[in-house]
Amino acid sequence: MYKAKIFDQAGVEVSTVSSLYPEHLLLVPNTPYQAGKTYTLLLQKDLVSEQGIALGKDVYQQFVYQPRQLPGEPEIDPPYHGTVYVDPTIITANDPSSFTKLSYAGRETRTMYDRRSAS
């Protein structure tokens, strides 16, 4: 579709969902990459830029997938347990349904439970 493919280290094409944005092409695997495994990105020679210029030759780029620690993910055990610590990896970068956008919805106040002692 977008003239780009990803292959695993055995040379088997990885099934992906492709999305074209104004400044980039996003390929998201249908099943998560495996940590430490080598993959190859192929940009095919007939891939055309916004200016209508074809790439001209196939371009291959190998990469080794290493999951990164997400911002805000606890590096150690939390000081106490509660609903906020149900699972620190409930949303990960490997999940194609992971958080992608935040929209401002105004301001409100709410009451939060505080576990600190009232001393």
PDB file of N, CA and C in Angstrom:
ATOM      1  N   MET A   1       0.815  -1.190   0.000  1.00  0.00           N
ATOM      2  CA  MET A   1       0.000   0.000   0.000  1.00  0.00           C
ATOM      3  C   MET A   1       0.865   1.264   0.000  1.00  0.00           C
ATOM      4  N   TYR A   2       1.753   1.419   1.007  1.00  0.00           N
ATOM      5  CA  TYR A   2       2.608   2.596   1.079  1.00  0.00           C
ATOM      6  C   TYR A   2       4.039   2.289   0.671  1.00  0.00           C
ATOM      7  N   LYS A   3       4.277   1.146   0.053  1.00  0.00           N
ATOM      8  CA  LYS A   3       5.600   0.775  -0.452  1.00  0.00           C
ATOM      9  C   LYS A   3       6.644   0.644   0.643  1.00  0.00           C
ATOM     10  N   ALA A   4       6.216   0.170   1.810  1.00  0.00           N
ATOM     11  CA  ALA A   4       7.130  -0.065   2.916  1.00  0.00           C
ATOM     12  C   ALA A   4       6.721  -1.370   3.596  1.00  0.00           C
ATOM     13  N   LYS A   5       7.724  -2.157   3.987  1.00  0.00           N
ATOM     14  CA  LYS A   5       7.456  -3.445   4.630  1.00  0.00           C
ATOM     15  C   LYS A   5       8.464  -3.669   5.747  1.00  0.00           C
ATOM     16  N   ILE A   6       8.100  -4.559   6.666  1.00  0.00           N
ATOM     17  CA  ILE A   6       9.012  -4.969   7.730  1.00  0.00           C
ATOM     18  C   ILE A   6       9.118  -6.486   7.683  1.00  0.00           C
ATOM     19  N   PHE A   7      10.350  -6.995   7.830  1.00  0.00           N
ATOM     20  CA  PHE A   7      10.600  -8.432   7.826  1.00  0.00           C
ATOM     21  C   PHE A   7      11.260  -8.834   9.138  1.00  0.00           C
ATOM     22  N   ASP A   8      10.941 -10.048   9.625  1.00  0.00           N
ATOM     23  CA  ASP A   8      11.608 -10.539  10.829  1.00  0.00           C
ATOM     24  C   ASP A   8      12.963 -11.110  10.442  1.00  0.00           C
ATOM     25  N   GLN A   9      13.714 -11.633  11.427  1.00  0.00           N
ATOM     26  CA  GLN A   9      15.073 -12.102  11.142  1.00  0.00           C
ATOM     27  C   GLN A   9      15.113 -13.355  10.281  1.00  0.00           C
ATOM     28  N   ALA A  10      13.970 -14.040  10.119  1.00  0.00           N
ATOM     29  CA  ALA A  10      13.898 -15.198   9.224  1.00  0.00           C
ATOM     30  C   ALA A  10      13.501 -14.778   7.806  1.00  0.00           C
ATOM     31  N   GLY A  11      13.263 -13.477   7.602  1.00  0.00           N
ATOM     32  CA  GLY A  11      12.895 -12.986   6.278  1.00  0.00           C
ATOM     33  C   GLY A  11      11.401 -13.033   5.998  1.00  0.00           C
ATOM     34  N   VAL A  12      10.607 -13.313   7.025  1.00  0.00           N
ATOM     35  CA  VAL A  12       9.155 -13.385   6.872  1.00  0.00           C
ATOM     36  C   VAL A  12       8.569 -11.987   7.081  1.00  0.00           C
ATOM     37  N   GLU A  13       7.686 -11.575   6.174  1.00  0.00           N
ATOM     38  CA  GLU A  13       7.082 -10.246   6.298  1.00  0.00           C
ATOM     39  C   GLU A  13       6.209 -10.169   7.547  1.00  0.00           C
ATOM     40  N   VAL A  14       6.384  -9.092   8.308  1.00  0.00           N
ATOM     41  CA  VAL A  14       5.596  -8.840   9.506  1.00  0.00           C
ATOM     42  C   VAL A  14       4.319  -8.122   9.070  1.00  0.00           C
ATOM     43  N   SER A  15       3.183  -8.635   9.488  1.00  0.00           N
ATOM     44  CA  SER A  15       1.915  -8.004   9.162  1.00  0.00           C
ATOM     45  C   SER A  15       1.806  -6.689   9.925  1.00  0.00           C
ATOM     46  N   THR A  16       1.532  -5.603   9.192  1.00  0.00           N
ATOM     47  CA  THR A  16       1.479  -4.281   9.811  1.00  0.00           C
ATOM     48  C   THR A  16       0.235  -3.515   9.379  1.00  0.00           C
ATOM     49  N   VAL A  17      -0.077  -2.501  10.157  1.00  0.00           N
ATOM     50  CA  VAL A  17      -1.090  -1.516   9.783  1.00  0.00           C
ATOM     51  C   VAL A  17      -0.313  -0.251   9.441  1.00  0.00           C
ATOM     52  N   SER A  18      -0.542   0.288   8.253  1.00  0.00           N
ATOM     53  CA  SER A  18       0.181   1.468   7.790  1.00  0.00           C
ATOM     54  C   SER A  18      -0.696   2.704   7.875  1.00  0.00           C
ATOM     55  N   SER A  19      -0.089   3.809   8.298  1.00  0.00           N
ATOM     56  CA  SER A  19      -0.790   5.090   8.346  1.00  0.00           C
ATOM     57  C   SER A  19       0.133   6.155   7.769  1.00  0.00           C
ATOM     58  N   LEU A  20      -0.407   6.949   6.860  1.00  0.00           N
ATOM     59  CA  LEU A  20       0.374   8.016   6.248  1.00  0.00           C
ATOM     60  C   LEU A  20      -0.018   9.346   6.866  1.00  0.00           C
ATOM     61  N   TYR A  21       0.979  10.063   7.368  1.00  0.00           N
ATOM     62  CA  TYR A  21       0.786  11.373   7.971  1.00  0.00           C
ATOM     63  C   TYR A  21       1.523  12.410   7.120  1.00  0.00           C
ATOM     64  N   PRO A  22       1.253  13.704   7.318  1.00  0.00           N
ATOM     65  CA  PRO A  22       1.905  14.714   6.481  1.00  0.00           C
ATOM     66  C   PRO A  22       3.439  14.623   6.461  1.00  0.00           C
ATOM     67  N   GLU A  23       4.037  14.266   7.600  1.00  0.00           N
ATOM     68  CA  GLU A  23       5.501  14.264   7.648  1.00  0.00           C
ATOM     69  C   GLU A  23       6.121  12.899   7.869  1.00  0.00           C
ATOM     70  N   HIS A  24       5.297  11.833   8.006  1.00  0.00           N
ATOM     71  CA  HIS A  24       5.892  10.519   8.208  1.00  0.00           C
ATOM     72  C   HIS A  24       4.919   9.395   7.879  1.00  0.00           C
ATOM     73  N   LEU A  25       5.488   8.229   7.723  1.00  0.00           N
ATOM     74  CA  LEU A  25       4.748   6.993   7.497  1.00  0.00           C
ATOM     75  C   LEU A  25       4.905   6.143   8.748  1.00  0.00           C
ATOM     76  N   LEU A  26       3.812   5.638   9.298  1.00  0.00           N
ATOM     77  CA  LEU A  26       3.857   4.835  10.510  1.00  0.00           C
ATOM     78  C   LEU A  26       3.462   3.405  10.184  1.00  0.00           C
ATOM     79  N   LEU A  27       4.311   2.453  10.532  1.00  0.00           N
ATOM     80  CA  LEU A  27       4.027   1.030  10.374  1.00  0.00           C
ATOM     81  C   LEU A  27       3.927   0.424  11.762  1.00  0.00           C
ATOM     82  N   VAL A  28       2.763  -0.096  12.119  1.00  0.00           N
ATOM     83  CA  VAL A  28       2.550  -0.684  13.442  1.00  0.00           C
ATOM     84  C   VAL A  28       2.312  -2.174  13.255  1.00  0.00           C
ATOM     85  N   PRO A  29       3.114  -3.025  13.902  1.00  0.00           N
ATOM     86  CA  PRO A  29       2.925  -4.473  13.731  1.00  0.00           C
ATOM     87  C   PRO A  29       1.602  -4.932  14.351  1.00  0.00           C
ATOM     88  N   ASN A  30       0.962  -5.901  13.706  1.00  0.00           N
ATOM     89  CA  ASN A  30      -0.292  -6.458  14.235  1.00  0.00           C
ATOM     90  C   ASN A  30      -0.049  -7.287  15.481  1.00  0.00           C
ATOM     91  N   THR A  31       1.137  -7.861  15.609  1.00  0.00           N
ATOM     92  CA  THR A  31       1.540  -8.553  16.833  1.00  0.00           C
ATOM     93  C   THR A  31       2.823  -7.871  17.305  1.00  0.00           C
ATOM     94  N   PRO A  32       3.017  -7.754  18.602  1.00  0.00           N
ATOM     95  CA  PRO A  32       4.175  -7.007  19.112  1.00  0.00           C
ATOM     96  C   PRO A  32       5.511  -7.569  18.628  1.00  0.00           C
ATOM     97  N   TYR A  33       6.476  -6.671  18.449  1.00  0.00           N
ATOM     98  CA  TYR A  33       7.840  -7.099  18.167  1.00  0.00           C
ATOM     99  C   TYR A  33       8.354  -7.874  19.376  1.00  0.00           C
ATOM    100  N   GLN A  34       9.346  -8.723  19.136  1.00  0.00           N
ATOM    101  CA  GLN A  34       9.951  -9.478  20.232  1.00  0.00           C
ATOM    102  C   GLN A  34      11.259  -8.802  20.635  1.00  0.00           C
ATOM    103  N   ALA A  35      11.413  -8.574  21.931  1.00  0.00           N
ATOM    104  CA  ALA A  35      12.613  -7.911  22.443  1.00  0.00           C
ATOM    105  C   ALA A  35      13.867  -8.666  22.040  1.00  0.00           C
ATOM    106  N   GLY A  36      14.882  -7.920  21.603  1.00  0.00           N
ATOM    107  CA  GLY A  36      16.168  -8.503  21.234  1.00  0.00           C
ATOM    108  C   GLY A  36      16.216  -9.095  19.839  1.00  0.00           C
ATOM    109  N   LYS A  37      15.113  -9.118  19.134  1.00  0.00           N
ATOM    110  CA  LYS A  37      15.075  -9.695  17.782  1.00  0.00           C
ATOM    111  C   LYS A  37      15.406  -8.619  16.749  1.00  0.00           C
ATOM    112  N   THR A  38      16.019  -9.046  15.641  1.00  0.00           N
ATOM    113  CA  THR A  38      16.391  -8.151  14.552  1.00  0.00           C
ATOM    114  C   THR A  38      15.290  -8.129  13.509  1.00  0.00           C
ATOM    115  N   TYR A  39      14.951  -6.939  13.059  1.00  0.00           N
ATOM    116  CA  TYR A  39      13.942  -6.739  12.015  1.00  0.00           C
ATOM    117  C   TYR A  39      14.553  -5.880  10.916  1.00  0.00           C
ATOM    118  N   THR A  40      13.971  -5.956   9.728  1.00  0.00           N
ATOM    119  CA  THR A  40      14.444  -5.152   8.610  1.00  0.00           C
ATOM    120  C   THR A  40      13.294  -4.355   8.034  1.00  0.00           C
ATOM    121  N   LEU A  41      13.500  -3.053   7.918  1.00  0.00           N
ATOM    122  CA  LEU A  41      12.545  -2.158   7.281  1.00  0.00           C
ATOM    123  C   LEU A  41      12.948  -2.031   5.822  1.00  0.00           C
ATOM    124  N   LEU A  42      11.995  -2.202   4.908  1.00  0.00           N
ATOM    125  CA  LEU A  42      12.236  -2.027   3.482  1.00  0.00           C
ATOM    126  C   LEU A  42      11.386  -0.869   2.986  1.00  0.00           C
ATOM    127  N   LEU A  43      12.042   0.138   2.444  1.00  0.00           N
ATOM    128  CA  LEU A  43      11.355   1.220   1.737  1.00  0.00           C
ATOM    129  C   LEU A  43      11.579   0.934   0.258  1.00  0.00           C
ATOM    130  N   GLN A  44      10.491   0.663  -0.461  1.00  0.00           N
ATOM    131  CA  GLN A  44      10.615   0.245  -1.855  1.00  0.00           C
ATOM    132  C   GLN A  44      10.928   1.415  -2.777  1.00  0.00           C
ATOM    133  N   LYS A  45      11.652   1.105  -3.855  1.00  0.00           N
ATOM    134  CA  LYS A  45      12.177   2.127  -4.760  1.00  0.00           C
ATOM    135  C   LYS A  45      11.109   3.032  -5.365  1.00  0.00           C
ATOM    136  N   ASP A  46       9.874   2.561  -5.492  1.00  0.00           N
ATOM    137  CA  ASP A  46       8.830   3.394  -6.079  1.00  0.00           C
ATOM    138  C   ASP A  46       8.028   4.177  -5.039  1.00  0.00           C
ATOM    139  N   LEU A  47       8.528   4.240  -3.794  1.00  0.00           N
ATOM    140  CA  LEU A  47       7.933   5.092  -2.769  1.00  0.00           C
ATOM    141  C   LEU A  47       8.132   6.542  -3.204  1.00  0.00           C
ATOM    142  N   VAL A  48       7.061   7.325  -3.195  1.00  0.00           N
ATOM    143  CA  VAL A  48       7.107   8.688  -3.728  1.00  0.00           C
ATOM    144  C   VAL A  48       6.938   9.702  -2.597  1.00  0.00           C
ATOM    145  N   SER A  49       7.746  10.760  -2.629  1.00  0.00           N
ATOM    146  CA  SER A  49       7.679  11.827  -1.631  1.00  0.00           C
ATOM    147  C   SER A  49       6.496  12.738  -1.933  1.00  0.00           C
ATOM    148  N   GLU A  50       6.231  13.675  -1.010  1.00  0.00           N
ATOM    149  CA  GLU A  50       5.167  14.658  -1.230  1.00  0.00           C
ATOM    150  C   GLU A  50       5.421  15.485  -2.489  1.00  0.00           C
ATOM    151  N   GLN A  51       6.688  15.628  -2.869  1.00  0.00           N
ATOM    152  CA  GLN A  51       7.045  16.406  -4.053  1.00  0.00           C
ATOM    153  C   GLN A  51       6.966  15.571  -5.335  1.00  0.00           C
ATOM    154  N   GLY A  52       6.565  14.295  -5.197  1.00  0.00           N
ATOM    155  CA  GLY A  52       6.425  13.429  -6.368  1.00  0.00           C
ATOM    156  C   GLY A  52       7.712  12.772  -6.823  1.00  0.00           C
ATOM    157  N   ILE A  53       8.726  12.779  -5.974  1.00  0.00           N
ATOM    158  CA  ILE A  53      10.016  12.192  -6.333  1.00  0.00           C
ATOM    159  C   ILE A  53      10.092  10.771  -5.792  1.00  0.00           C
ATOM    160  N   ALA A  54      10.366   9.809  -6.693  1.00  0.00           N
ATOM    161  CA  ALA A  54      10.484   8.405  -6.294  1.00  0.00           C
ATOM    162  C   ALA A  54      11.820   8.182  -5.605  1.00  0.00           C
ATOM    163  N   LEU A  55      11.856   7.244  -4.668  1.00  0.00           N
ATOM    164  CA  LEU A  55      13.073   6.926  -3.933  1.00  0.00           C
ATOM    165  C   LEU A  55      14.185   6.473  -4.886  1.00  0.00           C
ATOM    166  N   GLY A  56      13.833   5.706  -5.913  1.00  0.00           N
ATOM    167  CA  GLY A  56      14.806   5.327  -6.940  1.00  0.00           C
ATOM    168  C   GLY A  56      15.472   3.986  -6.734  1.00  0.00           C
ATOM    169  N   LYS A  57      15.679   3.579  -5.495  1.00  0.00           N
ATOM    170  CA  LYS A  57      16.235   2.257  -5.207  1.00  0.00           C
ATOM    171  C   LYS A  57      15.683   1.782  -3.875  1.00  0.00           C
ATOM    172  N   ASP A  58      15.623   0.468  -3.705  1.00  0.00           N
ATOM    173  CA  ASP A  58      15.152  -0.085  -2.448  1.00  0.00           C
ATOM    174  C   ASP A  58      16.135   0.280  -1.333  1.00  0.00           C
ATOM    175  N   VAL A  59      15.599   0.661  -0.193  1.00  0.00           N
ATOM    176  CA  VAL A  59      16.429   1.011   0.968  1.00  0.00           C
ATOM    177  C   VAL A  59      16.066   0.058   2.100  1.00  0.00           C
ATOM    178  N   TYR A  60      17.088  -0.586   2.664  1.00  0.00           N
ATOM    179  CA  TYR A  60      16.900  -1.524   3.763  1.00  0.00           C
ATOM    180  C   TYR A  60      17.543  -0.949   5.019  1.00  0.00           C
ATOM    181  N   GLN A  61      16.861  -1.087   6.143  1.00  0.00           N
ATOM    182  CA  GLN A  61      17.431  -0.657   7.423  1.00  0.00           C
ATOM    183  C   GLN A  61      17.108  -1.703   8.479  1.00  0.00           C
ATOM    184  N   GLN A  62      18.154  -2.300   9.053  1.00  0.00           N
ATOM    185  CA  GLN A  62      17.937  -3.280  10.117  1.00  0.00           C
ATOM    186  C   GLN A  62      17.841  -2.557  11.450  1.00  0.00           C
ATOM    187  N   PHE A  63      17.048  -3.138  12.356  1.00  0.00           N
ATOM    188  CA  PHE A  63      16.968  -2.617  13.715  1.00  0.00           C
ATOM    189  C   PHE A  63      16.706  -3.767  14.671  1.00  0.00           C
ATOM    190  N   VAL A  64      17.177  -3.606  15.894  1.00  0.00           N
ATOM    191  CA  VAL A  64      16.941  -4.577  16.955  1.00  0.00           C
ATOM    192  C   VAL A  64      15.945  -3.940  17.900  1.00  0.00           C
ATOM    193  N   TYR A  65      14.846  -4.634  18.131  1.00  0.00           N
ATOM    194  CA  TYR A  65      13.808  -4.067  18.994  1.00  0.00           C
ATOM    195  C   TYR A  65      14.186  -4.238  20.456  1.00  0.00           C
ATOM    196  N   GLN A  66      14.238  -3.116  21.160  1.00  0.00           N
ATOM    197  CA  GLN A  66      14.450  -3.095  22.598  1.00  0.00           C
ATOM    198  C   GLN A  66      13.333  -2.257  23.191  1.00  0.00           C
ATOM    199  N   PRO A  67      12.424  -2.859  23.967  1.00  0.00           N
ATOM    200  CA  PRO A  67      11.350  -2.059  24.551  1.00  0.00           C
ATOM    201  C   PRO A  67      11.929  -1.000  25.478  1.00  0.00           C
ATOM    202  N   ARG A  68      11.361   0.177  25.419  1.00  0.00           N
ATOM    203  CA  ARG A  68      11.836   1.251  26.291  1.00  0.00           C
ATOM    204  C   ARG A  68      10.906   1.377  27.482  1.00  0.00           C
ATOM    205  N   GLN A  69      11.449   1.875  28.546  1.00  0.00           N
ATOM    206  CA  GLN A  69      10.634   2.114  29.731  1.00  0.00           C
ATOM    207  C   GLN A  69       9.834   3.379  29.481  1.00  0.00           C
ATOM    208  N   LEU A  70       8.556   3.304  29.701  1.00  0.00           N
ATOM    209  CA  LEU A  70       7.685   4.438  29.455  1.00  0.00           C
ATOM    210  C   LEU A  70       7.808   5.477  30.564  1.00  0.00           C
ATOM    211  N   PRO A  71       7.683   6.762  30.213  1.00  0.00           N
ATOM    212  CA  PRO A  71       7.733   7.797  31.253  1.00  0.00           C
ATOM    213  C   PRO A  71       6.652   7.542  32.291  1.00  0.00           C
ATOM    214  N   GLY A  72       7.003   7.716  33.544  1.00  0.00           N
ATOM    215  CA  GLY A  72       6.038   7.523  34.622  1.00  0.00           C
ATOM    216  C   GLY A  72       5.909   6.080  35.079  1.00  0.00           C
ATOM    217  N   GLU A  73       6.559   5.163  34.397  1.00  0.00           N
ATOM    218  CA  GLU A  73       6.493   3.764  34.807  1.00  0.00           C
ATOM    219  C   GLU A  73       7.414   3.568  36.004  1.00  0.00           C
ATOM    220  N   PRO A  74       6.918   3.019  37.105  1.00  0.00           N
ATOM    221  CA  PRO A  74       7.764   2.877  38.291  1.00  0.00           C
ATOM    222  C   PRO A  74       8.945   1.949  38.030  1.00  0.00           C
ATOM    223  N   GLU A  75      10.128   2.365  38.474  1.00  0.00           N
ATOM    224  CA  GLU A  75      11.317   1.547  38.316  1.00  0.00           C
ATOM    225  C   GLU A  75      11.475   0.578  39.479  1.00  0.00           C
ATOM    226  N   ILE A  76      10.824   0.882  40.592  1.00  0.00           N
ATOM    227  CA  ILE A  76      10.885   0.026  41.763  1.00  0.00           C
ATOM    228  C   ILE A  76       9.462  -0.254  42.225  1.00  0.00           C
ATOM    229  N   ASP A  77       9.330  -1.097  43.224  1.00  0.00           N
ATOM    230  CA  ASP A  77       8.006  -1.380  43.754  1.00  0.00           C
ATOM    231  C   ASP A  77       7.400  -0.096  44.319  1.00  0.00           C
ATOM    232  N   PRO A  78       6.118   0.131  44.102  1.00  0.00           N
ATOM    233  CA  PRO A  78       5.493   1.337  44.645  1.00  0.00           C
ATOM    234  C   PRO A  78       5.499   1.300  46.168  1.00  0.00           C
ATOM    235  N   PRO A  79       5.413   2.474  46.801  1.00  0.00           N
ATOM    236  CA  PRO A  79       5.459   2.524  48.261  1.00  0.00           C
ATOM    237  C   PRO A  79       4.244   1.881  48.914  1.00  0.00           C
ATOM    238  N   TYR A  80       3.148   1.786  48.219  1.00  0.00           N
ATOM    239  CA  TYR A  80       1.946   1.114  48.715  1.00  0.00           C
ATOM    240  C   TYR A  80       1.171   0.606  47.514  1.00  0.00           C
ATOM    241  N   HIS A  81       0.235  -0.262  47.772  1.00  0.00           N
ATOM    242  CA  HIS A  81      -0.542  -0.829  46.679  1.00  0.00           C
ATOM    243  C   HIS A  81      -1.923  -0.205  46.642  1.00  0.00           C
ATOM    244  N   GLY A  82      -2.475  -0.082  45.475  1.00  0.00           N
ATOM    245  CA  GLY A  82      -3.795   0.502  45.289  1.00  0.00           C
ATOM    246  C   GLY A  82      -4.160   0.456  43.822  1.00  0.00           C
ATOM    247  N   THR A  83      -5.281   1.022  43.483  1.00  0.00           N
ATOM    248  CA  THR A  83      -5.746   0.927  42.106  1.00  0.00           C
ATOM    249  C   THR A  83      -4.823   1.609  41.108  1.00  0.00           C
ATOM    250  N   VAL A  84      -4.099   2.639  41.536  1.00  0.00           N
ATOM    251  CA  VAL A  84      -3.192   3.301  40.620  1.00  0.00           C
ATOM    252  C   VAL A  84      -2.029   2.379  40.217  1.00  0.00           C
ATOM    253  N   TYR A  85      -1.761   1.366  41.028  1.00  0.00           N
ATOM    254  CA  TYR A  85      -0.671   0.444  40.738  1.00  0.00           C
ATOM    255  C   TYR A  85      -1.166  -0.929  40.311  1.00  0.00           C
ATOM    256  N   VAL A  86      -2.336  -1.019  39.701  1.00  0.00           N
ATOM    257  CA  VAL A  86      -2.873  -2.308  39.267  1.00  0.00           C
ATOM    258  C   VAL A  86      -1.864  -3.025  38.374  1.00  0.00           C
ATOM    259  N   ASP A  87      -1.397  -2.338  37.339  1.00  0.00           N
ATOM    260  CA  ASP A  87      -0.413  -2.918  36.423  1.00  0.00           C
ATOM    261  C   ASP A  87       0.297  -1.773  35.720  1.00  0.00           C
ATOM    262  N   PRO A  88       1.566  -1.515  36.039  1.00  0.00           N
ATOM    263  CA  PRO A  88       2.256  -0.388  35.421  1.00  0.00           C
ATOM    264  C   PRO A  88       2.493  -0.578  33.925  1.00  0.00           C
ATOM    265  N   THR A  89       2.290  -1.788  33.407  1.00  0.00           N
ATOM    266  CA  THR A  89       2.491  -2.031  31.978  1.00  0.00           C
ATOM    267  C   THR A  89       1.170  -2.304  31.273  1.00  0.00           C
ATOM    268  N   ILE A  90       0.078  -1.762  31.792  1.00  0.00           N
ATOM    269  CA  ILE A  90      -1.233  -2.011  31.184  1.00  0.00           C
ATOM    270  C   ILE A  90      -1.326  -1.366  29.795  1.00  0.00           C
ATOM    271  N   ILE A  91      -0.619  -0.257  29.586  1.00  0.00           N
ATOM    272  CA  ILE A  91      -0.531   0.363  28.271  1.00  0.00           C
ATOM    273  C   ILE A  91       0.949   0.418  27.916  1.00  0.00           C
ATOM    274  N   THR A  92       1.304  -0.170  26.795  1.00  0.00           N
ATOM    275  CA  THR A  92       2.699  -0.173  26.358  1.00  0.00           C
ATOM    276  C   THR A  92       2.803   0.302  24.920  1.00  0.00           C
ATOM    277  N   ALA A  93       4.013   0.632  24.511  1.00  0.00           N
ATOM    278  CA  ALA A  93       4.246   1.060  23.133  1.00  0.00           C
ATOM    279  C   ALA A  93       4.000  -0.078  22.143  1.00  0.00           C
ATOM    280  N   ASN A  94       4.032  -1.324  22.613  1.00  0.00           N
ATOM    281  CA  ASN A  94       3.799  -2.472  21.729  1.00  0.00           C
ATOM    282  C   ASN A  94       2.338  -2.654  21.386  1.00  0.00           C
ATOM    283  N   ASP A  95       1.474  -2.042  22.138  1.00  0.00           N
ATOM    284  CA  ASP A  95       0.034  -2.215  21.972  1.00  0.00           C
ATOM    285  C   ASP A  95      -0.476  -1.255  20.903  1.00  0.00           C
ATOM    286  N   PRO A  96      -0.993  -1.770  19.775  1.00  0.00           N
ATOM    287  CA  PRO A  96      -1.461  -0.865  18.721  1.00  0.00           C
ATOM    288  C   PRO A  96      -2.645  -0.004  19.151  1.00  0.00           C
ATOM    289  N   SER A  97      -3.288  -0.348  20.257  1.00  0.00           N
ATOM    290  CA  SER A  97      -4.406   0.461  20.730  1.00  0.00           C
ATOM    291  C   SER A  97      -3.959   1.430  21.822  1.00  0.00           C
ATOM    292  N   SER A  98      -2.645   1.589  22.000  1.00  0.00           N
ATOM    293  CA  SER A  98      -2.153   2.446  23.068  1.00  0.00           C
ATOM    294  C   SER A  98      -2.506   3.905  22.835  1.00  0.00           C
ATOM    295  N   PHE A  99      -2.372   4.693  23.884  1.00  0.00           N
ATOM    296  CA  PHE A  99      -2.696   6.116  23.875  1.00  0.00           C
ATOM    297  C   PHE A  99      -2.007   6.833  22.720  1.00  0.00           C
ATOM    298  N   THR A 100      -2.755   7.579  21.934  1.00  0.00           N
ATOM    299  CA  THR A 100      -2.167   8.297  20.810  1.00  0.00           C
ATOM    300  C   THR A 100      -2.453   9.789  20.812  1.00  0.00           C
ATOM    301  N   LYS A 101      -3.432  10.260  21.585  1.00  0.00           N
ATOM    302  CA  LYS A 101      -3.791  11.662  21.509  1.00  0.00           C
ATOM    303  C   LYS A 101      -4.373  12.150  22.830  1.00  0.00           C
ATOM    304  N   LEU A 102      -4.147  13.407  23.116  1.00  0.00           N
ATOM    305  CA  LEU A 102      -4.711  14.044  24.297  1.00  0.00           C
ATOM    306  C   LEU A 102      -5.347  15.347  23.847  1.00  0.00           C
ATOM    307  N   SER A 103      -6.594  15.565  24.228  1.00  0.00           N
ATOM    308  CA  SER A 103      -7.297  16.795  23.875  1.00  0.00           C
ATOM    309  C   SER A 103      -7.718  17.520  25.147  1.00  0.00           C
ATOM    310  N   TYR A 104      -7.550  18.828  25.160  1.00  0.00           N
ATOM    311  CA  TYR A 104      -7.935  19.636  26.308  1.00  0.00           C
ATOM    312  C   TYR A 104      -9.455  19.615  26.446  1.00  0.00           C
ATOM    313  N   ALA A 105      -9.940  19.342  27.650  1.00  0.00           N
ATOM    314  CA  ALA A 105     -11.381  19.262  27.893  1.00  0.00           C
ATOM    315  C   ALA A 105     -11.813  20.200  29.012  1.00  0.00           C
ATOM    316  N   GLY A 106     -11.009  21.183  29.313  1.00  0.00           N
ATOM    317  CA  GLY A 106     -11.361  22.133  30.353  1.00  0.00           C
ATOM    318  C   GLY A 106     -10.781  21.755  31.702  1.00  0.00           C
ATOM    319  N   ARG A 107     -11.203  22.459  32.757  1.00  0.00           N
ATOM    320  CA  ARG A 107     -10.706  22.218  34.104  1.00  0.00           C
ATOM    321  C   ARG A 107     -11.856  21.860  35.019  1.00  0.00           C
ATOM    322  N   GLU A 108     -11.570  20.978  35.973  1.00  0.00           N
ATOM    323  CA  GLU A 108     -12.541  20.602  36.985  1.00  0.00           C
ATOM    324  C   GLU A 108     -11.789  20.335  38.281  1.00  0.00           C
ATOM    325  N   THR A 109     -12.531  20.207  39.362  1.00  0.00           N
ATOM    326  CA  THR A 109     -11.933  19.804  40.622  1.00  0.00           C
ATOM    327  C   THR A 109     -12.481  18.440  40.995  1.00  0.00           C
ATOM    328  N   ARG A 110     -11.711  17.723  41.782  1.00  0.00           N
ATOM    329  CA  ARG A 110     -12.170  16.423  42.259  1.00  0.00           C
ATOM    330  C   ARG A 110     -11.527  16.123  43.598  1.00  0.00           C
ATOM    331  N   THR A 111     -12.144  15.251  44.352  1.00  0.00           N
ATOM    332  CA  THR A 111     -11.629  14.846  45.647  1.00  0.00           C
ATOM    333  C   THR A 111     -10.780  13.598  45.451  1.00  0.00           C
ATOM    334  N   MET A 112      -9.560  13.637  45.960  1.00  0.00           N
ATOM    335  CA  MET A 112      -8.634  12.513  45.834  1.00  0.00           C
ATOM    336  C   MET A 112      -8.381  11.918  47.215  1.00  0.00           C
ATOM    337  N   TYR A 113      -8.308  10.622  47.312  1.00  0.00           N
ATOM    338  CA  TYR A 113      -8.001   9.942  48.554  1.00  0.00           C
ATOM    339  C   TYR A 113      -6.509  10.082  48.839  1.00  0.00           C
ATOM    340  N   ASP A 114      -6.153  10.420  50.055  1.00  0.00           N
ATOM    341  CA  ASP A 114      -4.766  10.609  50.454  1.00  0.00           C
ATOM    342  C   ASP A 114      -4.417   9.575  51.514  1.00  0.00           C
ATOM    343  N   ARG A 115      -3.434   8.712  51.254  1.00  0.00           N
ATOM    344  CA  ARG A 115      -3.073   7.651  52.198  1.00  0.00           C
ATOM    345  C   ARG A 115      -2.130   8.122  53.297  1.00  0.00           C
ATOM    346  N   ARG A 116      -1.669   9.355  53.227  1.00  0.00           N
ATOM    347  CA  ARG A 116      -0.757   9.840  54.258  1.00  0.00           C
ATOM    348  C   ARG A 116      -1.490   9.986  55.585  1.00  0.00           C
ATOM    349  N   SER A 117      -0.763   9.819  56.650  1.00  0.00           N
ATOM    350  CA  SER A 117      -1.400   9.971  57.963  1.00  0.00           C
ATOM    351  C   SER A 117      -1.661  11.464  58.227  1.00  0.00           C
ATOM    352  N   ALA A 118      -2.645  11.742  59.078  1.00  0.00           N
ATOM    353  CA  ALA A 118      -3.035  13.131  59.360  1.00  0.00           C
ATOM    354  C   ALA A 118      -2.262  13.690  60.543  1.00  0.00           C
ATOM    355  N   SER A 119      -1.028  13.258  60.749  1.00  0.00           N
ATOM    356  CA  SER A 119      -0.264  13.694  61.915  1.00  0.00           C
ATOM    357  C   SER A 119       0.245  15.046  61.782  1.00  0.00           C
TER     358      SER A 119
END
